[in-house]
Amino acid sequence: METLKVSGKSRPNAVAGAIAALLRSNGEVEVQAIGPAAVNQAVKAIAIARGYIIPENLDLTTQPAFVKLDIMDEERTAVKFNIQGVRLGNPEPRSS
């Protein structure tokens, strides 16, 4: 599974584009963020990505979790979002 790392300075639209592309090609992606600003940008990006894929009959689900990472010999806690693509069925037309 591909992992995207989001910082507090990441552009949500750019991250959303990457999330959408990976959901289209791989069906799943992991997003990691450390700190409140990074988590904020990640959540915005996930919401924007959903808007990108809905017109293609795709939706997403996510499961947030904490994960411990070693960064430069220091243990840090990150929030990770495991995101899965979900294919939406074509609804049957309503009869009048």
PDB file of N, CA and C in Angstrom:
ATOM      1  N   MET A   1       0.858  -1.181   0.000  1.00  0.00           N
ATOM      2  CA  MET A   1       0.000   0.000   0.000  1.00  0.00           C
ATOM      3  C   MET A   1       0.896   1.234   0.000  1.00  0.00           C
ATOM      4  N   GLU A   2       0.564   2.163  -0.844  1.00  0.00           N
ATOM      5  CA  GLU A   2       1.301   3.430  -0.952  1.00  0.00           C
ATOM      6  C   GLU A   2       1.023   4.291   0.282  1.00  0.00           C
ATOM      7  N   THR A   3       2.051   4.986   0.786  1.00  0.00           N
ATOM      8  CA  THR A   3       1.897   5.867   1.940  1.00  0.00           C
ATOM      9  C   THR A   3       2.202   7.300   1.541  1.00  0.00           C
ATOM     10  N   LEU A   4       1.254   8.194   1.834  1.00  0.00           N
ATOM     11  CA  LEU A   4       1.461   9.625   1.624  1.00  0.00           C
ATOM     12  C   LEU A   4       1.703  10.262   2.978  1.00  0.00           C
ATOM     13  N   LYS A   5       2.723  11.091   3.076  1.00  0.00           N
ATOM     14  CA  LYS A   5       3.024  11.790   4.322  1.00  0.00           C
ATOM     15  C   LYS A   5       2.619  13.245   4.158  1.00  0.00           C
ATOM     16  N   VAL A   6       1.771  13.701   5.073  1.00  0.00           N
ATOM     17  CA  VAL A   6       1.216  15.050   4.994  1.00  0.00           C
ATOM     18  C   VAL A   6       1.821  15.901   6.096  1.00  0.00           C
ATOM     19  N   SER A   7       2.209  17.118   5.764  1.00  0.00           N
ATOM     20  CA  SER A   7       2.712  18.061   6.760  1.00  0.00           C
ATOM     21  C   SER A   7       1.695  19.183   6.939  1.00  0.00           C
ATOM     22  N   GLY A   8       1.953  20.024   7.902  1.00  0.00           N
ATOM     23  CA  GLY A   8       1.085  21.170   8.143  1.00  0.00           C
ATOM     24  C   GLY A   8       1.104  22.167   7.001  1.00  0.00           C
ATOM     25  N   LYS A   9       2.135  22.077   6.148  1.00  0.00           N
ATOM     26  CA  LYS A   9       2.250  23.005   5.015  1.00  0.00           C
ATOM     27  C   LYS A   9       1.817  22.373   3.697  1.00  0.00           C
ATOM     28  N   SER A  10       1.352  21.130   3.746  1.00  0.00           N
ATOM     29  CA  SER A  10       0.889  20.466   2.522  1.00  0.00           C
ATOM     30  C   SER A  10      -0.353  21.161   1.986  1.00  0.00           C
ATOM     31  N   ARG A  11      -0.464  21.210   0.677  1.00  0.00           N
ATOM     32  CA  ARG A  11      -1.649  21.799   0.036  1.00  0.00           C
ATOM     33  C   ARG A  11      -2.725  20.731  -0.074  1.00  0.00           C
ATOM     34  N   PRO A  12      -3.870  20.911   0.577  1.00  0.00           N
ATOM     35  CA  PRO A  12      -4.908  19.884   0.573  1.00  0.00           C
ATOM     36  C   PRO A  12      -5.350  19.453  -0.822  1.00  0.00           C
ATOM     37  N   ASN A  13      -5.445  20.398  -1.778  1.00  0.00           N
ATOM     38  CA  ASN A  13      -5.863  20.034  -3.134  1.00  0.00           C
ATOM     39  C   ASN A  13      -4.851  19.114  -3.804  1.00  0.00           C
ATOM     40  N   ALA A  14      -3.572  19.359  -3.581  1.00  0.00           N
ATOM     41  CA  ALA A  14      -2.537  18.511  -4.169  1.00  0.00           C
ATOM     42  C   ALA A  14      -2.562  17.117  -3.546  1.00  0.00           C
ATOM     43  N   VAL A  15      -2.699  17.052  -2.228  1.00  0.00           N
ATOM     44  CA  VAL A  15      -2.774  15.762  -1.543  1.00  0.00           C
ATOM     45  C   VAL A  15      -4.036  15.021  -1.983  1.00  0.00           C
ATOM     46  N   ALA A  16      -5.141  15.739  -2.120  1.00  0.00           N
ATOM     47  CA  ALA A  16      -6.394  15.131  -2.560  1.00  0.00           C
ATOM     48  C   ALA A  16      -6.248  14.506  -3.944  1.00  0.00           C
ATOM     49  N   GLY A  17      -5.557  15.192  -4.835  1.00  0.00           N
ATOM     50  CA  GLY A  17      -5.316  14.646  -6.166  1.00  0.00           C
ATOM     51  C   GLY A  17      -4.524  13.353  -6.110  1.00  0.00           C
ATOM     52  N   ALA A  18      -3.519  13.314  -5.237  1.00  0.00           N
ATOM     53  CA  ALA A  18      -2.714  12.099  -5.079  1.00  0.00           C
ATOM     54  C   ALA A  18      -3.548  10.964  -4.483  1.00  0.00           C
ATOM     55  N   ILE A  19      -4.372  11.285  -3.487  1.00  0.00           N
ATOM     56  CA  ILE A  19      -5.250  10.275  -2.878  1.00  0.00           C
ATOM     57  C   ILE A  19      -6.195   9.717  -3.943  1.00  0.00           C
ATOM     58  N   ALA A  20      -6.845  10.595  -4.696  1.00  0.00           N
ATOM     59  CA  ALA A  20      -7.792  10.164  -5.721  1.00  0.00           C
ATOM     60  C   ALA A  20      -7.112   9.285  -6.769  1.00  0.00           C
ATOM     61  N   ALA A  21      -5.932   9.675  -7.202  1.00  0.00           N
ATOM     62  CA  ALA A  21      -5.211   8.897  -8.216  1.00  0.00           C
ATOM     63  C   ALA A  21      -4.861   7.507  -7.690  1.00  0.00           C
ATOM     64  N   LEU A  22      -4.414   7.428  -6.446  1.00  0.00           N
ATOM     65  CA  LEU A  22      -4.053   6.127  -5.878  1.00  0.00           C
ATOM     66  C   LEU A  22      -5.281   5.255  -5.634  1.00  0.00           C
ATOM     67  N   LEU A  23      -6.394   5.878  -5.271  1.00  0.00           N
ATOM     68  CA  LEU A  23      -7.620   5.094  -5.109  1.00  0.00           C
ATOM     69  C   LEU A  23      -8.078   4.535  -6.450  1.00  0.00           C
ATOM     70  N   ARG A  24      -7.940   5.328  -7.501  1.00  0.00           N
ATOM     71  CA  ARG A  24      -8.334   4.853  -8.835  1.00  0.00           C
ATOM     72  C   ARG A  24      -7.446   3.691  -9.293  1.00  0.00           C
ATOM     73  N   SER A  25      -6.138   3.808  -9.050  1.00  0.00           N
ATOM     74  CA  SER A  25      -5.205   2.803  -9.574  1.00  0.00           C
ATOM     75  C   SER A  25      -5.017   1.608  -8.638  1.00  0.00           C
ATOM     76  N   ASN A  26      -4.937   1.860  -7.332  1.00  0.00           N
ATOM     77  CA  ASN A  26      -4.619   0.786  -6.384  1.00  0.00           C
ATOM     78  C   ASN A  26      -5.804   0.373  -5.513  1.00  0.00           C
ATOM     79  N   GLY A  27      -6.801   1.246  -5.413  1.00  0.00           N
ATOM     80  CA  GLY A  27      -7.957   0.937  -4.568  1.00  0.00           C
ATOM     81  C   GLY A  27      -7.752   1.231  -3.103  1.00  0.00           C
ATOM     82  N   GLU A  28      -6.534   1.633  -2.724  1.00  0.00           N
ATOM     83  CA  GLU A  28      -6.262   1.947  -1.321  1.00  0.00           C
ATOM     84  C   GLU A  28      -5.028   2.835  -1.217  1.00  0.00           C
ATOM     85  N   VAL A  29      -4.931   3.540  -0.099  1.00  0.00           N
ATOM     86  CA  VAL A  29      -3.784   4.399   0.178  1.00  0.00           C
ATOM     87  C   VAL A  29      -3.743   4.655   1.681  1.00  0.00           C
ATOM     88  N   GLU A  30      -2.559   4.865   2.205  1.00  0.00           N
ATOM     89  CA  GLU A  30      -2.397   5.241   3.609  1.00  0.00           C
ATOM     90  C   GLU A  30      -1.884   6.671   3.661  1.00  0.00           C
ATOM     91  N   VAL A  31      -2.470   7.474   4.529  1.00  0.00           N
ATOM     92  CA  VAL A  31      -2.038   8.856   4.729  1.00  0.00           C
ATOM     93  C   VAL A  31      -1.555   8.979   6.163  1.00  0.00           C
ATOM     94  N   GLN A  32      -0.363   9.541   6.357  1.00  0.00           N
ATOM     95  CA  GLN A  32       0.189   9.737   7.704  1.00  0.00           C
ATOM     96  C   GLN A  32       0.386  11.219   7.962  1.00  0.00           C
ATOM     97  N   ALA A  33       0.093  11.619   9.199  1.00  0.00           N
ATOM     98  CA  ALA A  33       0.252  13.020   9.592  1.00  0.00           C
ATOM     99  C   ALA A  33       0.710  13.080  11.044  1.00  0.00           C
ATOM    100  N   ILE A  34       1.655  13.961  11.321  1.00  0.00           N
ATOM    101  CA  ILE A  34       2.150  14.169  12.681  1.00  0.00           C
ATOM    102  C   ILE A  34       1.861  15.605  13.076  1.00  0.00           C
ATOM    103  N   GLY A  35       1.100  15.789  14.139  1.00  0.00           N
ATOM    104  CA  GLY A  35       0.787  17.115  14.655  1.00  0.00           C
ATOM    105  C   GLY A  35      -0.564  17.610  14.182  1.00  0.00           C
ATOM    106  N   PRO A  36      -1.133  18.550  14.936  1.00  0.00           N
ATOM    107  CA  PRO A  36      -2.483  19.010  14.636  1.00  0.00           C
ATOM    108  C   PRO A  36      -2.632  19.694  13.278  1.00  0.00           C
ATOM    109  N   ALA A  37      -1.658  20.478  12.858  1.00  0.00           N
ATOM    110  CA  ALA A  37      -1.760  21.158  11.565  1.00  0.00           C
ATOM    111  C   ALA A  37      -1.730  20.139  10.430  1.00  0.00           C
ATOM    112  N   ALA A  38      -0.889  19.125  10.545  1.00  0.00           N
ATOM    113  CA  ALA A  38      -0.796  18.100   9.508  1.00  0.00           C
ATOM    114  C   ALA A  38      -2.069  17.255   9.455  1.00  0.00           C
ATOM    115  N   VAL A  39      -2.621  16.910  10.619  1.00  0.00           N
ATOM    116  CA  VAL A  39      -3.863  16.136  10.651  1.00  0.00           C
ATOM    117  C   VAL A  39      -4.993  16.951  10.021  1.00  0.00           C
ATOM    118  N   ASN A  40      -5.027  18.242  10.301  1.00  0.00           N
ATOM    119  CA  ASN A  40      -6.038  19.120   9.705  1.00  0.00           C
ATOM    120  C   ASN A  40      -5.937  19.099   8.178  1.00  0.00           C
ATOM    121  N   GLN A  41      -4.732  19.233   7.654  1.00  0.00           N
ATOM    122  CA  GLN A  41      -4.543  19.229   6.201  1.00  0.00           C
ATOM    123  C   GLN A  41      -4.920  17.866   5.610  1.00  0.00           C
ATOM    124  N   ALA A  42      -4.614  16.793   6.321  1.00  0.00           N
ATOM    125  CA  ALA A  42      -4.943  15.455   5.838  1.00  0.00           C
ATOM    126  C   ALA A  42      -6.452  15.245   5.772  1.00  0.00           C
ATOM    127  N   VAL A  43      -7.163  15.674   6.801  1.00  0.00           N
ATOM    128  CA  VAL A  43      -8.623  15.513   6.812  1.00  0.00           C
ATOM    129  C   VAL A  43      -9.257  16.329   5.692  1.00  0.00           C
ATOM    130  N   LYS A  44      -8.772  17.557   5.490  1.00  0.00           N
ATOM    131  CA  LYS A  44      -9.287  18.366   4.385  1.00  0.00           C
ATOM    132  C   LYS A  44      -9.031  17.673   3.047  1.00  0.00           C
ATOM    133  N   ALA A  45      -7.838  17.110   2.884  1.00  0.00           N
ATOM    134  CA  ALA A  45      -7.492  16.441   1.636  1.00  0.00           C
ATOM    135  C   ALA A  45      -8.384  15.234   1.386  1.00  0.00           C
ATOM    136  N   ILE A  46      -8.704  14.472   2.421  1.00  0.00           N
ATOM    137  CA  ILE A  46      -9.573  13.305   2.263  1.00  0.00           C
ATOM    138  C   ILE A  46     -10.965  13.746   1.824  1.00  0.00           C
ATOM    139  N   ALA A  47     -11.478  14.806   2.435  1.00  0.00           N
ATOM    140  CA  ALA A  47     -12.799  15.315   2.055  1.00  0.00           C
ATOM    141  C   ALA A  47     -12.805  15.800   0.601  1.00  0.00           C
ATOM    142  N   ILE A  48     -11.760  16.497   0.194  1.00  0.00           N
ATOM    143  CA  ILE A  48     -11.661  16.994  -1.183  1.00  0.00           C
ATOM    144  C   ILE A  48     -11.539  15.819  -2.155  1.00  0.00           C
ATOM    145  N   ALA A  49     -10.734  14.812  -1.795  1.00  0.00           N
ATOM    146  CA  ALA A  49     -10.546  13.642  -2.662  1.00  0.00           C
ATOM    147  C   ALA A  49     -11.874  12.937  -2.899  1.00  0.00           C
ATOM    148  N   ARG A  50     -12.700  12.882  -1.882  1.00  0.00           N
ATOM    149  CA  ARG A  50     -14.013  12.246  -2.033  1.00  0.00           C
ATOM    150  C   ARG A  50     -14.822  12.965  -3.105  1.00  0.00           C
ATOM    151  N   GLY A  51     -14.753  14.292  -3.110  1.00  0.00           N
ATOM    152  CA  GLY A  51     -15.447  15.059  -4.141  1.00  0.00           C
ATOM    153  C   GLY A  51     -14.906  14.787  -5.533  1.00  0.00           C
ATOM    154  N   TYR A  52     -13.614  14.463  -5.640  1.00  0.00           N
ATOM    155  CA  TYR A  52     -13.012  14.160  -6.939  1.00  0.00           C
ATOM    156  C   TYR A  52     -13.494  12.817  -7.490  1.00  0.00           C
ATOM    157  N   ILE A  53     -13.719  11.830  -6.624  1.00  0.00           N
ATOM    158  CA  ILE A  53     -14.005  10.486  -7.120  1.00  0.00           C
ATOM    159  C   ILE A  53     -15.487  10.134  -7.182  1.00  0.00           C
ATOM    160  N   ILE A  54     -16.328  10.849  -6.455  1.00  0.00           N
ATOM    161  CA  ILE A  54     -17.771  10.556  -6.452  1.00  0.00           C
ATOM    162  C   ILE A  54     -18.363  10.581  -7.868  1.00  0.00           C
ATOM    163  N   PRO A  55     -18.017  11.565  -8.735  1.00  0.00           N
ATOM    164  CA  PRO A  55     -18.591  11.568 -10.083  1.00  0.00           C
ATOM    165  C   PRO A  55     -18.218  10.326 -10.905  1.00  0.00           C
ATOM    166  N   GLU A  56     -17.193   9.579 -10.471  1.00  0.00           N
ATOM    167  CA  GLU A  56     -16.753   8.372 -11.171  1.00  0.00           C
ATOM    168  C   GLU A  56     -17.352   7.110 -10.537  1.00  0.00           C
ATOM    169  N   ASN A  57     -18.414   7.271  -9.756  1.00  0.00           N
ATOM    170  CA  ASN A  57     -19.056   6.161  -9.039  1.00  0.00           C
ATOM    171  C   ASN A  57     -18.091   5.453  -8.096  1.00  0.00           C
ATOM    172  N   LEU A  58     -17.187   6.222  -7.514  1.00  0.00           N
ATOM    173  CA  LEU A  58     -16.276   5.723  -6.480  1.00  0.00           C
ATOM    174  C   LEU A  58     -16.537   6.515  -5.215  1.00  0.00           C
ATOM    175  N   ASP A  59     -16.416   5.861  -4.086  1.00  0.00           N
ATOM    176  CA  ASP A  59     -16.463   6.551  -2.796  1.00  0.00           C
ATOM    177  C   ASP A  59     -15.281   6.036  -2.001  1.00  0.00           C
ATOM    178  N   LEU A  60     -15.129   6.506  -0.796  1.00  0.00           N
ATOM    179  CA  LEU A  60     -14.025   6.036   0.025  1.00  0.00           C
ATOM    180  C   LEU A  60     -14.493   5.814   1.447  1.00  0.00           C
ATOM    181  N   THR A  61     -13.774   4.950   2.124  1.00  0.00           N
ATOM    182  CA  THR A  61     -13.941   4.783   3.559  1.00  0.00           C
ATOM    183  C   THR A  61     -12.559   4.944   4.169  1.00  0.00           C
ATOM    184  N   THR A  62     -12.527   5.381   5.413  1.00  0.00           N
ATOM    185  CA  THR A  62     -11.237   5.538   6.068  1.00  0.00           C
ATOM    186  C   THR A  62     -11.320   5.055   7.499  1.00  0.00           C
ATOM    187  N   GLN A  63     -10.200   4.548   7.977  1.00  0.00           N
ATOM    188  CA  GLN A  63     -10.076   4.101   9.354  1.00  0.00           C
ATOM    189  C   GLN A  63      -8.868   4.804   9.965  1.00  0.00           C
ATOM    190  N   PRO A  64      -9.114   5.797  10.813  1.00  0.00           N
ATOM    191  CA  PRO A  64      -7.987   6.477  11.454  1.00  0.00           C
ATOM    192  C   PRO A  64      -7.440   5.634  12.605  1.00  0.00           C
ATOM    193  N   ALA A  65      -6.132   5.737  12.813  1.00  0.00           N
ATOM    194  CA  ALA A  65      -5.486   5.015  13.905  1.00  0.00           C
ATOM    195  C   ALA A  65      -4.192   5.744  14.263  1.00  0.00           C
ATOM    196  N   PHE A  66      -3.704   5.469  15.451  1.00  0.00           N
ATOM    197  CA  PHE A  66      -2.401   5.999  15.848  1.00  0.00           C
ATOM    198  C   PHE A  66      -1.329   4.986  15.476  1.00  0.00           C
ATOM    199  N   VAL A  67      -0.168   5.488  15.105  1.00  0.00           N
ATOM    200  CA  VAL A  67       0.970   4.638  14.779  1.00  0.00           C
ATOM    201  C   VAL A  67       2.228   5.320  15.305  1.00  0.00           C
ATOM    202  N   LYS A  68       3.154   4.534  15.826  1.00  0.00           N
ATOM    203  CA  LYS A  68       4.427   5.080  16.302  1.00  0.00           C
ATOM    204  C   LYS A  68       5.453   4.944  15.186  1.00  0.00           C
ATOM    205  N   LEU A  69       6.143   6.049  14.902  1.00  0.00           N
ATOM    206  CA  LEU A  69       7.146   6.087  13.848  1.00  0.00           C
ATOM    207  C   LEU A  69       8.491   6.477  14.433  1.00  0.00           C
ATOM    208  N   ASP A  70       9.560   5.915  13.892  1.00  0.00           N
ATOM    209  CA  ASP A  70      10.910   6.341  14.269  1.00  0.00           C
ATOM    210  C   ASP A  70      11.384   7.344  13.238  1.00  0.00           C
ATOM    211  N   ILE A  71      11.583   8.578  13.667  1.00  0.00           N
ATOM    212  CA  ILE A  71      12.054   9.633  12.785  1.00  0.00           C
ATOM    213  C   ILE A  71      13.328  10.198  13.381  1.00  0.00           C
ATOM    214  N   MET A  72      14.431  10.003  12.665  1.00  0.00           N
ATOM    215  CA  MET A  72      15.754  10.447  13.116  1.00  0.00           C
ATOM    216  C   MET A  72      16.011   9.996  14.550  1.00  0.00           C
ATOM    217  N   ASP A  73      15.864   8.691  14.793  1.00  0.00           N
ATOM    218  CA  ASP A  73      16.105   8.056  16.093  1.00  0.00           C
ATOM    219  C   ASP A  73      15.232   8.598  17.217  1.00  0.00           C
ATOM    220  N   GLU A  74      14.084   9.159  16.862  1.00  0.00           N
ATOM    221  CA  GLU A  74      13.133   9.661  17.853  1.00  0.00           C
ATOM    222  C   GLU A  74      11.773   9.053  17.551  1.00  0.00           C
ATOM    223  N   GLU A  75      11.107   8.540  18.585  1.00  0.00           N
ATOM    224  CA  GLU A  75       9.790   7.957  18.383  1.00  0.00           C
ATOM    225  C   GLU A  75       8.740   9.052  18.388  1.00  0.00           C
ATOM    226  N   ARG A  76       7.922   9.078  17.332  1.00  0.00           N
ATOM    227  CA  ARG A  76       6.849  10.064  17.198  1.00  0.00           C
ATOM    228  C   ARG A  76       5.543   9.326  16.983  1.00  0.00           C
ATOM    229  N   THR A  77       4.452   9.917  17.455  1.00  0.00           N
ATOM    230  CA  THR A  77       3.131   9.341  17.227  1.00  0.00           C
ATOM    231  C   THR A  77       2.467  10.079  16.081  1.00  0.00           C
ATOM    232  N   ALA A  78       2.005   9.332  15.118  1.00  0.00           N
ATOM    233  CA  ALA A  78       1.326   9.902  13.956  1.00  0.00           C
ATOM    234  C   ALA A  78      -0.111   9.398  13.930  1.00  0.00           C
ATOM    235  N   VAL A  79      -0.952  10.128  13.222  1.00  0.00           N
ATOM    236  CA  VAL A  79      -2.284   9.634  12.909  1.00  0.00           C
ATOM    237  C   VAL A  79      -2.192   9.108  11.492  1.00  0.00           C
ATOM    238  N   LYS A  80      -2.630   7.859  11.315  1.00  0.00           N
ATOM    239  CA  LYS A  80      -2.654   7.314   9.957  1.00  0.00           C
ATOM    240  C   LYS A  80      -4.102   7.062   9.572  1.00  0.00           C
ATOM    241  N   PHE A  81      -4.362   7.283   8.318  1.00  0.00           N
ATOM    242  CA  PHE A  81      -5.687   7.060   7.753  1.00  0.00           C
ATOM    243  C   PHE A  81      -5.544   5.985   6.686  1.00  0.00           C
ATOM    244  N   ASN A  82      -6.076   4.800   6.945  1.00  0.00           N
ATOM    245  CA  ASN A  82      -6.139   3.769   5.912  1.00  0.00           C
ATOM    246  C   ASN A  82      -7.390   4.056   5.098  1.00  0.00           C
ATOM    247  N   ILE A  83      -7.198   4.342   3.831  1.00  0.00           N
ATOM    248  CA  ILE A  83      -8.311   4.750   2.970  1.00  0.00           C
ATOM    249  C   ILE A  83      -8.510   3.686   1.899  1.00  0.00           C
ATOM    250  N   GLN A  84      -9.751   3.231   1.765  1.00  0.00           N
ATOM    251  CA  GLN A  84     -10.107   2.241   0.755  1.00  0.00           C
ATOM    252  C   GLN A  84     -11.129   2.840  -0.200  1.00  0.00           C
ATOM    253  N   GLY A  85     -10.968   2.536  -1.469  1.00  0.00           N
ATOM    254  CA  GLY A  85     -11.945   2.937  -2.465  1.00  0.00           C
ATOM    255  C   GLY A  85     -13.111   1.965  -2.454  1.00  0.00           C
ATOM    256  N   VAL A  86     -14.305   2.483  -2.664  1.00  0.00           N
ATOM    257  CA  VAL A  86     -15.520   1.669  -2.704  1.00  0.00           C
ATOM    258  C   VAL A  86     -16.247   1.990  -3.998  1.00  0.00           C
ATOM    259  N   ARG A  87     -16.491   0.970  -4.789  1.00  0.00           N
ATOM    260  CA  ARG A  87     -17.212   1.150  -6.054  1.00  0.00           C
ATOM    261  C   ARG A  87     -18.693   1.296  -5.742  1.00  0.00           C
ATOM    262  N   LEU A  88     -19.322   2.359  -6.253  1.00  0.00           N
ATOM    263  CA  LEU A  88     -20.741   2.575  -6.052  1.00  0.00           C
ATOM    264  C   LEU A  88     -21.508   1.929  -7.199  1.00  0.00           C
ATOM    265  N   GLY A  89     -22.617   1.278  -6.876  1.00  0.00           N
ATOM    266  CA  GLY A  89     -23.451   0.681  -7.911  1.00  0.00           C
ATOM    267  C   GLY A  89     -24.281   1.740  -8.580  1.00  0.00           C
ATOM    268  N   ASN A  90     -24.655   1.492  -9.806  1.00  0.00           N
ATOM    269  CA  ASN A  90     -25.547   2.419 -10.503  1.00  0.00           C
ATOM    270  C   ASN A  90     -26.962   2.171  -9.998  1.00  0.00           C
ATOM    271  N   PRO A  91     -27.584   3.154  -9.392  1.00  0.00           N
ATOM    272  CA  PRO A  91     -28.945   2.941  -8.911  1.00  0.00           C
ATOM    273  C   PRO A  91     -29.903   2.760 -10.080  1.00  0.00           C
ATOM    274  N   GLU A  92     -30.900   1.929  -9.840  1.00  0.00           N
ATOM    275  CA  GLU A  92     -31.919   1.720 -10.876  1.00  0.00           C
ATOM    276  C   GLU A  92     -32.792   2.953 -10.958  1.00  0.00           C
ATOM    277  N   PRO A  93     -33.239   3.291 -12.164  1.00  0.00           N
ATOM    278  CA  PRO A  93     -34.114   4.463 -12.289  1.00  0.00           C
ATOM    279  C   PRO A  93     -35.423   4.228 -11.549  1.00  0.00           C
ATOM    280  N   ARG A  94     -35.921   5.284 -10.947  1.00  0.00           N
ATOM    281  CA  ARG A  94     -37.191   5.192 -10.230  1.00  0.00           C
ATOM    282  C   ARG A  94     -38.338   5.150 -11.219  1.00  0.00           C
ATOM    283  N   SER A  95     -39.352   4.356 -10.899  1.00  0.00           N
ATOM    284  CA  SER A  95     -40.554   4.359 -11.749  1.00  0.00           C
ATOM    285  C   SER A  95     -41.504   5.426 -11.241  1.00  0.00           C
ATOM    286  N   SER A  96     -42.171   6.105 -12.156  1.00  0.00           N
ATOM    287  CA  SER A  96     -43.061   7.181 -11.723  1.00  0.00           C
ATOM    288  C   SER A  96     -44.477   6.741 -11.589  1.00  0.00           C
TER     289      SER A  96
END
